[in-house]
PDB file of N, CA and C in Angstrom:
ATOM      1  N   MET A   1      13.770  36.600  63.086  1.00  0.00           N
ATOM      2  CA  MET A   1      15.022  36.367  63.787  1.00  0.00           C
ATOM      3  C   MET A   1      16.220  36.544  62.837  1.00  0.00           C
ATOM      4  N   ALA A   2      16.107  36.006  61.630  1.00  0.00           N
ATOM      5  CA  ALA A   2      17.192  36.111  60.660  1.00  0.00           C
ATOM      6  C   ALA A   2      17.422  37.567  60.265  1.00  0.00           C
ATOM      7  N   HIS A   3      16.350  38.332  60.166  1.00  0.00           N
ATOM      8  CA  HIS A   3      16.467  39.747  59.808  1.00  0.00           C
ATOM      9  C   HIS A   3      17.248  40.519  60.879  1.00  0.00           C
ATOM     10  N   SER A   4      16.971  40.255  62.155  1.00  0.00           N
ATOM     11  CA  SER A   4      17.668  40.967  63.223  1.00  0.00           C
ATOM     12  C   SER A   4      19.147  40.591  63.258  1.00  0.00           C
ATOM     13  N   LYS A   5      19.476  39.352  62.911  1.00  0.00           N
ATOM     14  CA  LYS A   5      20.890  38.948  62.853  1.00  0.00           C
ATOM     15  C   LYS A   5      21.590  39.667  61.706  1.00  0.00           C
ATOM     16  N   LEU A   6      20.880  39.798  60.582  1.00  0.00           N
ATOM     17  CA  LEU A   6      21.449  40.487  59.434  1.00  0.00           C
ATOM     18  C   LEU A   6      21.692  41.958  59.748  1.00  0.00           C
ATOM     19  N   VAL A   7      20.745  42.592  60.426  1.00  0.00           N
ATOM     20  CA  VAL A   7      20.889  43.998  60.817  1.00  0.00           C
ATOM     21  C   VAL A   7      22.057  44.149  61.786  1.00  0.00           C
ATOM     22  N   ALA A   8      22.159  43.249  62.749  1.00  0.00           N
ATOM     23  CA  ALA A   8      23.264  43.307  63.710  1.00  0.00           C
ATOM     24  C   ALA A   8      24.606  43.119  63.012  1.00  0.00           C
ATOM     25  N   PHE A   9      24.677  42.182  62.083  1.00  0.00           N
ATOM     26  CA  PHE A   9      25.918  41.935  61.344  1.00  0.00           C
ATOM     27  C   PHE A   9      26.300  43.159  60.517  1.00  0.00           C
ATOM     28  N   ALA A  10      25.320  43.746  59.828  1.00  0.00           N
ATOM     29  CA  ALA A  10      25.590  44.928  59.009  1.00  0.00           C
ATOM     30  C   ALA A  10      26.062  46.090  59.875  1.00  0.00           C
ATOM     31  N   SER A  11      25.453  46.263  61.033  1.00  0.00           N
ATOM     32  CA  SER A  11      25.864  47.328  61.947  1.00  0.00           C
ATOM     33  C   SER A  11      27.292  47.123  62.421  1.00  0.00           C
ATOM     34  N   MET A  12      27.646  45.893  62.744  1.00  0.00           N
ATOM     35  CA  MET A  12      29.014  45.594  63.194  1.00  0.00           C
ATOM     36  C   MET A  12      30.006  45.854  62.069  1.00  0.00           C
ATOM     37  N   ALA A  13      29.641  45.510  60.839  1.00  0.00           N
ATOM     38  CA  ALA A  13      30.530  45.725  59.698  1.00  0.00           C
ATOM     39  C   ALA A  13      30.791  47.212  59.497  1.00  0.00           C
ATOM     40  N   VAL A  14      29.742  48.027  59.559  1.00  0.00           N
ATOM     41  CA  VAL A  14      29.899  49.476  59.401  1.00  0.00           C
ATOM     42  C   VAL A  14      30.739  50.048  60.529  1.00  0.00           C
ATOM     43  N   LEU A  15      30.497  49.629  61.749  1.00  0.00           N
ATOM     44  CA  LEU A  15      31.271  50.104  62.895  1.00  0.00           C
ATOM     45  C   LEU A  15      32.734  49.721  62.765  1.00  0.00           C
ATOM     46  N   SER A  16      33.027  48.507  62.330  1.00  0.00           N
ATOM     47  CA  SER A  16      34.424  48.088  62.198  1.00  0.00           C
ATOM     48  C   SER A  16      35.127  48.888  61.118  1.00  0.00           C
ATOM     49  N   MET A  17      34.420  49.256  60.049  1.00  0.00           N
ATOM     50  CA  MET A  17      35.045  50.089  59.018  1.00  0.00           C
ATOM     51  C   MET A  17      35.353  51.470  59.573  1.00  0.00           C
ATOM     52  N   ALA A  18      34.471  52.014  60.365  1.00  0.00           N
ATOM     53  CA  ALA A  18      34.697  53.342  60.945  1.00  0.00           C
ATOM     54  C   ALA A  18      35.889  53.325  61.882  1.00  0.00           C
ATOM     55  N   VAL A  19      36.085  52.249  62.596  1.00  0.00           N
ATOM     56  CA  VAL A  19      37.200  52.142  63.532  1.00  0.00           C
ATOM     57  C   VAL A  19      38.518  52.014  62.798  1.00  0.00           C
ATOM     58  N   THR A  20      38.527  51.354  61.625  1.00  0.00           N
ATOM     59  CA  THR A  20      39.781  51.126  60.912  1.00  0.00           C
ATOM     60  C   THR A  20      40.206  52.305  60.054  1.00  0.00           C
ATOM     61  N   ILE A  21      39.333  53.286  59.842  1.00  0.00           N
ATOM     62  CA  ILE A  21      39.718  54.470  59.072  1.00  0.00           C
ATOM     63  C   ILE A  21      40.666  55.306  59.922  1.00  0.00           C
ATOM     64  N   PRO A  22      41.877  55.545  59.431  1.00  0.00           N
ATOM     65  CA  PRO A  22      42.826  56.298  60.245  1.00  0.00           C
ATOM     66  C   PRO A  22      42.406  57.745  60.424  1.00  0.00           C
ATOM     67  N   ALA A  23      42.735  58.266  61.551  1.00  0.00           N
ATOM     68  CA  ALA A  23      42.455  59.679  61.805  1.00  0.00           C
ATOM     69  C   ALA A  23      43.326  60.506  60.884  1.00  0.00           C
ATOM     70  N   GLY A  24      42.726  61.410  60.179  1.00  0.00           N
ATOM     71  CA  GLY A  24      43.467  62.228  59.241  1.00  0.00           C
ATOM     72  C   GLY A  24      44.096  63.429  59.905  1.00  0.00           C
ATOM     73  N   ALA A  25      44.984  64.028  59.169  1.00  0.00           N
ATOM     74  CA  ALA A  25      45.619  65.243  59.658  1.00  0.00           C
ATOM     75  C   ALA A  25      44.629  66.397  59.573  1.00  0.00           C
ATOM     76  N   THR A  26      44.898  67.407  60.322  1.00  0.00           N
ATOM     77  CA  THR A  26      44.046  68.587  60.336  1.00  0.00           C
ATOM     78  C   THR A  26      44.920  69.828  60.254  1.00  0.00           C
ATOM     79  N   PRO A  27      44.327  70.951  59.891  1.00  0.00           N
ATOM     80  CA  PRO A  27      45.121  72.191  59.915  1.00  0.00           C
ATOM     81  C   PRO A  27      45.709  72.463  61.303  1.00  0.00           C
ATOM     82  N   GLN A  28      45.021  72.009  62.354  1.00  0.00           N
ATOM     83  CA  GLN A  28      45.540  72.185  63.709  1.00  0.00           C
ATOM     84  C   GLN A  28      46.852  71.424  63.898  1.00  0.00           C
ATOM     85  N   LEU A  29      46.984  70.277  63.236  1.00  0.00           N
ATOM     86  CA  LEU A  29      48.224  69.501  63.349  1.00  0.00           C
ATOM     87  C   LEU A  29      49.388  70.265  62.731  1.00  0.00           C
ATOM     88  N   VAL A  30      49.141  70.932  61.607  1.00  0.00           N
ATOM     89  CA  VAL A  30      50.186  71.760  60.987  1.00  0.00           C
ATOM     90  C   VAL A  30      50.567  72.892  61.936  1.00  0.00           C
ATOM     91  N   LYS A  31      49.575  73.520  62.539  1.00  0.00           N
ATOM     92  CA  LYS A  31      49.837  74.612  63.491  1.00  0.00           C
ATOM     93  C   LYS A  31      50.635  74.101  64.693  1.00  0.00           C
ATOM     94  N   GLN A  32      50.271  72.944  65.217  1.00  0.00           N
ATOM     95  CA  GLN A  32      50.990  72.377  66.361  1.00  0.00           C
ATOM     96  C   GLN A  32      52.440  72.086  65.988  1.00  0.00           C
ATOM     97  N   ALA A  33      52.660  71.576  64.783  1.00  0.00           N
ATOM     98  CA  ALA A  33      54.027  71.305  64.333  1.00  0.00           C
ATOM     99  C   ALA A  33      54.821  72.608  64.235  1.00  0.00           C
ATOM    100  N   LYS A  34      54.205  73.649  63.673  1.00  0.00           N
ATOM    101  CA  LYS A  34      54.866  74.967  63.586  1.00  0.00           C
ATOM    102  C   LYS A  34      55.191  75.500  64.969  1.00  0.00           C
ATOM    103  N   ASP A  35      54.201  75.433  65.871  1.00  0.00           N
ATOM    104  CA  ASP A  35      54.382  75.931  67.232  1.00  0.00           C
ATOM    105  C   ASP A  35      55.494  75.185  67.974  1.00  0.00           C
ATOM    106  N   ALA A  36      55.706  73.930  67.611  1.00  0.00           N
ATOM    107  CA  ALA A  36      56.755  73.130  68.248  1.00  0.00           C
ATOM    108  C   ALA A  36      58.123  73.369  67.598  1.00  0.00           C
ATOM    109  N   GLY A  37      58.162  74.244  66.589  1.00  0.00           N
ATOM    110  CA  GLY A  37      59.442  74.606  65.975  1.00  0.00           C
ATOM    111  C   GLY A  37      59.801  73.821  64.729  1.00  0.00           C
ATOM    112  N   PHE A  38      58.878  73.043  64.188  1.00  0.00           N
ATOM    113  CA  PHE A  38      59.155  72.287  62.971  1.00  0.00           C
ATOM    114  C   PHE A  38      58.821  73.156  61.762  1.00  0.00           C
ATOM    115  N   PRO A  39      59.510  72.951  60.636  1.00  0.00           N
ATOM    116  CA  PRO A  39      59.311  73.811  59.470  1.00  0.00           C
ATOM    117  C   PRO A  39      58.064  73.472  58.637  1.00  0.00           C
ATOM    118  N   ALA A  40      57.007  73.051  59.272  1.00  0.00           N
ATOM    119  CA  ALA A  40      55.762  72.723  58.564  1.00  0.00           C
ATOM    120  C   ALA A  40      55.124  74.010  58.050  1.00  0.00           C
ATOM    121  N   GLN A  41      54.937  74.107  56.759  1.00  0.00           N
ATOM    122  CA  GLN A  41      54.308  75.287  56.170  1.00  0.00           C
ATOM    123  C   GLN A  41      52.886  74.984  55.701  1.00  0.00           C
ATOM    124  N   ASN A  42      52.636  73.716  55.372  1.00  0.00           N
ATOM    125  CA  ASN A  42      51.321  73.308  54.883  1.00  0.00           C
ATOM    126  C   ASN A  42      51.192  71.785  55.017  1.00  0.00           C
ATOM    127  N   CYS A  43      50.140  71.235  54.441  1.00  0.00           N
ATOM    128  CA  CYS A  43      49.864  69.799  54.546  1.00  0.00           C
ATOM    129  C   CYS A  43      50.960  68.942  53.918  1.00  0.00           C
ATOM    130  N   GLN A  44      51.692  69.525  52.950  1.00  0.00           N
ATOM    131  CA  GLN A  44      52.719  68.749  52.277  1.00  0.00           C
ATOM    132  C   GLN A  44      53.944  68.478  53.154  1.00  0.00           C
ATOM    133  N   TYR A  45      53.925  68.924  54.360  1.00  0.00           N
ATOM    134  CA  TYR A  45      54.980  68.545  55.309  1.00  0.00           C
ATOM    135  C   TYR A  45      54.910  67.039  55.549  1.00  0.00           C
ATOM    136  N   CYS A  46      53.708  66.464  55.459  1.00  0.00           N
ATOM    137  CA  CYS A  46      53.518  65.026  55.679  1.00  0.00           C
ATOM    138  C   CYS A  46      52.803  64.324  54.520  1.00  0.00           C
ATOM    139  N   HIS A  47      52.161  65.100  53.644  1.00  0.00           N
ATOM    140  CA  HIS A  47      51.414  64.544  52.518  1.00  0.00           C
ATOM    141  C   HIS A  47      52.094  64.890  51.207  1.00  0.00           C
ATOM    142  N   THR A  48      51.800  64.103  50.170  1.00  0.00           N
ATOM    143  CA  THR A  48      52.331  64.392  48.836  1.00  0.00           C
ATOM    144  C   THR A  48      51.389  65.281  48.039  1.00  0.00           C
ATOM    145  N   VAL A  49      50.155  65.424  48.505  1.00  0.00           N
ATOM    146  CA  VAL A  49      49.178  66.271  47.817  1.00  0.00           C
ATOM    147  C   VAL A  49      48.953  67.539  48.632  1.00  0.00           C
ATOM    148  N   ALA A  50      48.635  68.611  47.957  1.00  0.00           N
ATOM    149  CA  ALA A  50      48.486  69.900  48.630  1.00  0.00           C
ATOM    150  C   ALA A  50      47.250  69.976  49.515  1.00  0.00           C
ATOM    151  N   GLY A  51      46.169  69.336  49.104  1.00  0.00           N
ATOM    152  CA  GLY A  51      44.936  69.418  49.869  1.00  0.00           C
ATOM    153  C   GLY A  51      44.327  68.051  50.107  1.00  0.00           C
ATOM    154  N   PRO A  52      44.910  67.253  51.011  1.00  0.00           N
ATOM    155  CA  PRO A  52      44.359  65.916  51.255  1.00  0.00           C
ATOM    156  C   PRO A  52      42.948  65.997  51.818  1.00  0.00           C
ATOM    157  N   LYS A  53      42.130  65.046  51.445  1.00  0.00           N
ATOM    158  CA  LYS A  53      40.748  64.988  51.912  1.00  0.00           C
ATOM    159  C   LYS A  53      40.641  63.929  52.996  1.00  0.00           C
ATOM    160  N   LYS A  54      40.128  64.313  54.146  1.00  0.00           N
ATOM    161  CA  LYS A  54      40.003  63.387  55.268  1.00  0.00           C
ATOM    162  C   LYS A  54      39.115  62.198  54.900  1.00  0.00           C
ATOM    163  N   GLU A  55      38.017  62.455  54.195  1.00  0.00           N
ATOM    164  CA  GLU A  55      37.092  61.376  53.867  1.00  0.00           C
ATOM    165  C   GLU A  55      37.637  60.446  52.785  1.00  0.00           C
ATOM    166  N   GLY A  56      38.611  60.875  52.037  1.00  0.00           N
ATOM    167  CA  GLY A  56      39.194  60.036  50.996  1.00  0.00           C
ATOM    168  C   GLY A  56      40.642  59.701  51.291  1.00  0.00           C
ATOM    169  N   PHE A  57      40.976  59.534  52.562  1.00  0.00           N
ATOM    170  CA  PHE A  57      42.359  59.303  52.977  1.00  0.00           C
ATOM    171  C   PHE A  57      42.970  58.122  52.237  1.00  0.00           C
ATOM    172  N   LYS A  58      44.162  58.341  51.682  1.00  0.00           N
ATOM    173  CA  LYS A  58      44.911  57.292  50.997  1.00  0.00           C
ATOM    174  C   LYS A  58      46.329  57.295  51.555  1.00  0.00           C
ATOM    175  N   PRO A  59      46.732  56.213  52.230  1.00  0.00           N
ATOM    176  CA  PRO A  59      48.091  56.163  52.794  1.00  0.00           C
ATOM    177  C   PRO A  59      49.181  56.391  51.757  1.00  0.00           C
ATOM    178  N   GLU A  60      48.915  56.043  50.496  1.00  0.00           N
ATOM    179  CA  GLU A  60      49.929  56.246  49.461  1.00  0.00           C
ATOM    180  C   GLU A  60      50.128  57.733  49.134  1.00  0.00           C
ATOM    181  N   GLU A  61      49.273  58.613  49.667  1.00  0.00           N
ATOM    182  CA  GLU A  61      49.445  60.057  49.475  1.00  0.00           C
ATOM    183  C   GLU A  61      50.256  60.694  50.603  1.00  0.00           C
ATOM    184  N   LEU A  62      50.882  59.862  51.431  1.00  0.00           N
ATOM    185  CA  LEU A  62      51.755  60.365  52.487  1.00  0.00           C
ATOM    186  C   LEU A  62      53.194  60.316  52.015  1.00  0.00           C
ATOM    187  N   ASN A  63      53.990  61.311  52.421  1.00  0.00           N
ATOM    188  CA  ASN A  63      55.418  61.233  52.152  1.00  0.00           C
ATOM    189  C   ASN A  63      56.051  60.389  53.269  1.00  0.00           C
ATOM    190  N   GLU A  64      57.362  60.281  53.287  1.00  0.00           N
ATOM    191  CA  GLU A  64      58.021  59.421  54.282  1.00  0.00           C
ATOM    192  C   GLU A  64      57.702  59.850  55.715  1.00  0.00           C
ATOM    193  N   ARG A  65      57.652  61.156  55.959  1.00  0.00           N
ATOM    194  CA  ARG A  65      57.341  61.660  57.301  1.00  0.00           C
ATOM    195  C   ARG A  65      55.922  61.257  57.697  1.00  0.00           C
ATOM    196  N   GLY A  66      54.984  61.417  56.775  1.00  0.00           N
ATOM    197  CA  GLY A  66      53.602  61.053  57.042  1.00  0.00           C
ATOM    198  C   GLY A  66      53.435  59.567  57.288  1.00  0.00           C
ATOM    199  N   LYS A  67      54.135  58.753  56.500  1.00  0.00           N
ATOM    200  CA  LYS A  67      54.077  57.299  56.696  1.00  0.00           C
ATOM    201  C   LYS A  67      54.657  56.934  58.060  1.00  0.00           C
ATOM    202  N   TRP A  68      55.730  57.611  58.441  1.00  0.00           N
ATOM    203  CA  TRP A  68      56.329  57.348  59.751  1.00  0.00           C
ATOM    204  C   TRP A  68      55.345  57.707  60.872  1.00  0.00           C
ATOM    205  N   LEU A  69      54.678  58.854  60.735  1.00  0.00           N
ATOM    206  CA  LEU A  69      53.700  59.264  61.749  1.00  0.00           C
ATOM    207  C   LEU A  69      52.550  58.266  61.853  1.00  0.00           C
ATOM    208  N   LEU A  70      52.098  57.741  60.712  1.00  0.00           N
ATOM    209  CA  LEU A  70      51.022  56.760  60.727  1.00  0.00           C
ATOM    210  C   LEU A  70      51.470  55.476  61.426  1.00  0.00           C
ATOM    211  N   THR A  71      52.706  55.055  61.170  1.00  0.00           N
ATOM    212  CA  THR A  71      53.261  53.879  61.851  1.00  0.00           C
ATOM    213  C   THR A  71      53.388  54.145  63.343  1.00  0.00           C
ATOM    214  N   GLU A  72      53.829  55.337  63.692  1.00  0.00           N
ATOM    215  CA  GLU A  72      53.963  55.730  65.102  1.00  0.00           C
ATOM    216  C   GLU A  72      52.599  55.714  65.797  1.00  0.00           C
ATOM    217  N   LYS A  73      51.578  56.180  65.104  1.00  0.00           N
ATOM    218  CA  LYS A  73      50.213  56.168  65.657  1.00  0.00           C
ATOM    219  C   LYS A  73      49.799  54.739  66.000  1.00  0.00           C
ATOM    220  N   ASP A  74      50.096  53.815  65.093  1.00  0.00           N
ATOM    221  CA  ASP A  74      49.756  52.408  65.342  1.00  0.00           C
ATOM    222  C   ASP A  74      50.566  51.842  66.506  1.00  0.00           C
ATOM    223  N   GLN A  75      51.850  52.153  66.543  1.00  0.00           N
ATOM    224  CA  GLN A  75      52.705  51.641  67.622  1.00  0.00           C
ATOM    225  C   GLN A  75      52.290  52.200  68.974  1.00  0.00           C
ATOM    226  N   GLN A  76      51.871  53.447  69.005  1.00  0.00           N
ATOM    227  CA  GLN A  76      51.439  54.085  70.252  1.00  0.00           C
ATOM    228  C   GLN A  76      50.010  53.686  70.634  1.00  0.00           C
ATOM    229  N   LYS A  77      49.349  52.987  69.687  1.00  0.00           N
ATOM    230  CA  LYS A  77      47.932  52.631  69.867  1.00  0.00           C
ATOM    231  C   LYS A  77      47.104  53.887  70.173  1.00  0.00           C
ATOM    232  N   ALA A  78      47.454  54.946  69.451  1.00  0.00           N
ATOM    233  CA  ALA A  78      46.804  56.241  69.649  1.00  0.00           C
ATOM    234  C   ALA A  78      45.614  56.394  68.712  1.00  0.00           C
ATOM    235  N   LYS A  79      44.707  57.229  69.108  1.00  0.00           N
ATOM    236  CA  LYS A  79      43.513  57.490  68.314  1.00  0.00           C
ATOM    237  C   LYS A  79      43.835  58.419  67.140  1.00  0.00           C
ATOM    238  N   GLU A  80      44.788  59.323  67.344  1.00  0.00           N
ATOM    239  CA  GLU A  80      45.159  60.262  66.290  1.00  0.00           C
ATOM    240  C   GLU A  80      46.645  60.576  66.352  1.00  0.00           C
ATOM    241  N   VAL A  81      47.160  61.110  65.268  1.00  0.00           N
ATOM    242  CA  VAL A  81      48.567  61.493  65.160  1.00  0.00           C
ATOM    243  C   VAL A  81      48.812  62.719  66.032  1.00  0.00           C
ATOM    244  N   LYS A  82      49.979  62.786  66.648  1.00  0.00           N
ATOM    245  CA  LYS A  82      50.340  63.930  67.491  1.00  0.00           C
ATOM    246  C   LYS A  82      51.610  64.583  66.937  1.00  0.00           C
ATOM    247  N   ALA A  83      51.566  65.895  66.807  1.00  0.00           N
ATOM    248  CA  ALA A  83      52.701  66.645  66.262  1.00  0.00           C
ATOM    249  C   ALA A  83      53.948  66.469  67.120  1.00  0.00           C
ATOM    250  N   GLU A  84      53.792  66.270  68.405  1.00  0.00           N
ATOM    251  CA  GLU A  84      54.952  66.125  69.303  1.00  0.00           C
ATOM    252  C   GLU A  84      55.824  64.919  68.941  1.00  0.00           C
ATOM    253  N   TRP A  85      55.268  63.942  68.256  1.00  0.00           N
ATOM    254  CA  TRP A  85      56.051  62.770  67.852  1.00  0.00           C
ATOM    255  C   TRP A  85      57.128  63.135  66.839  1.00  0.00           C
ATOM    256  N   LEU A  86      56.961  64.260  66.132  1.00  0.00           N
ATOM    257  CA  LEU A  86      57.931  64.656  65.113  1.00  0.00           C
ATOM    258  C   LEU A  86      59.334  64.806  65.685  1.00  0.00           C
ATOM    259  N   LYS A  87      59.451  65.092  66.973  1.00  0.00           N
ATOM    260  CA  LYS A  87      60.786  65.224  67.558  1.00  0.00           C
ATOM    261  C   LYS A  87      61.568  63.909  67.496  1.00  0.00           C
ATOM    262  N   ASN A  88      60.855  62.787  67.326  1.00  0.00           N
ATOM    263  CA  ASN A  88      61.501  61.478  67.242  1.00  0.00           C
ATOM    264  C   ASN A  88      61.651  60.980  65.827  1.00  0.00           C
ATOM    265  N   TYR A  89      61.203  61.774  64.851  1.00  0.00           N
ATOM    266  CA  TYR A  89      61.293  61.347  63.442  1.00  0.00           C
ATOM    267  C   TYR A  89      62.756  61.237  63.044  1.00  0.00           C
ATOM    268  N   PRO A  90      63.181  60.060  62.561  1.00  0.00           N
ATOM    269  CA  PRO A  90      64.596  59.859  62.249  1.00  0.00           C
ATOM    270  C   PRO A  90      65.093  60.631  61.028  1.00  0.00           C
ATOM    271  N   GLY A  91      64.214  61.083  60.157  1.00  0.00           N
ATOM    272  CA  GLY A  91      64.651  61.761  58.940  1.00  0.00           C
ATOM    273  C   GLY A  91      64.631  63.267  59.012  1.00  0.00           C
ATOM    274  N   ARG A  92      64.808  63.845  60.203  1.00  0.00           N
ATOM    275  CA  ARG A  92      64.717  65.307  60.347  1.00  0.00           C
ATOM    276  C   ARG A  92      65.702  66.018  59.520  1.00  0.00           C
TER     277      ARG A  92
END
């Protein structure tokens, strides 16, 4: 009985970590931003590093625009960041 509780607890812990990992940006997000008329040329439109890794996401590697998008994602209770939100970015 104790073993099954431990397995259940461990499973819940792993699941909760997966849920709290923010959805990372993708090359499609850069394309969507470009298509919407924003001057996004690469990942550094929102990140401070040229090639951010989704599996090693670090919020401190976001520039002000990226941090704003992450905050917007939380406020919208969205699963992922949307390029269309950039139209509301105050630092355009």
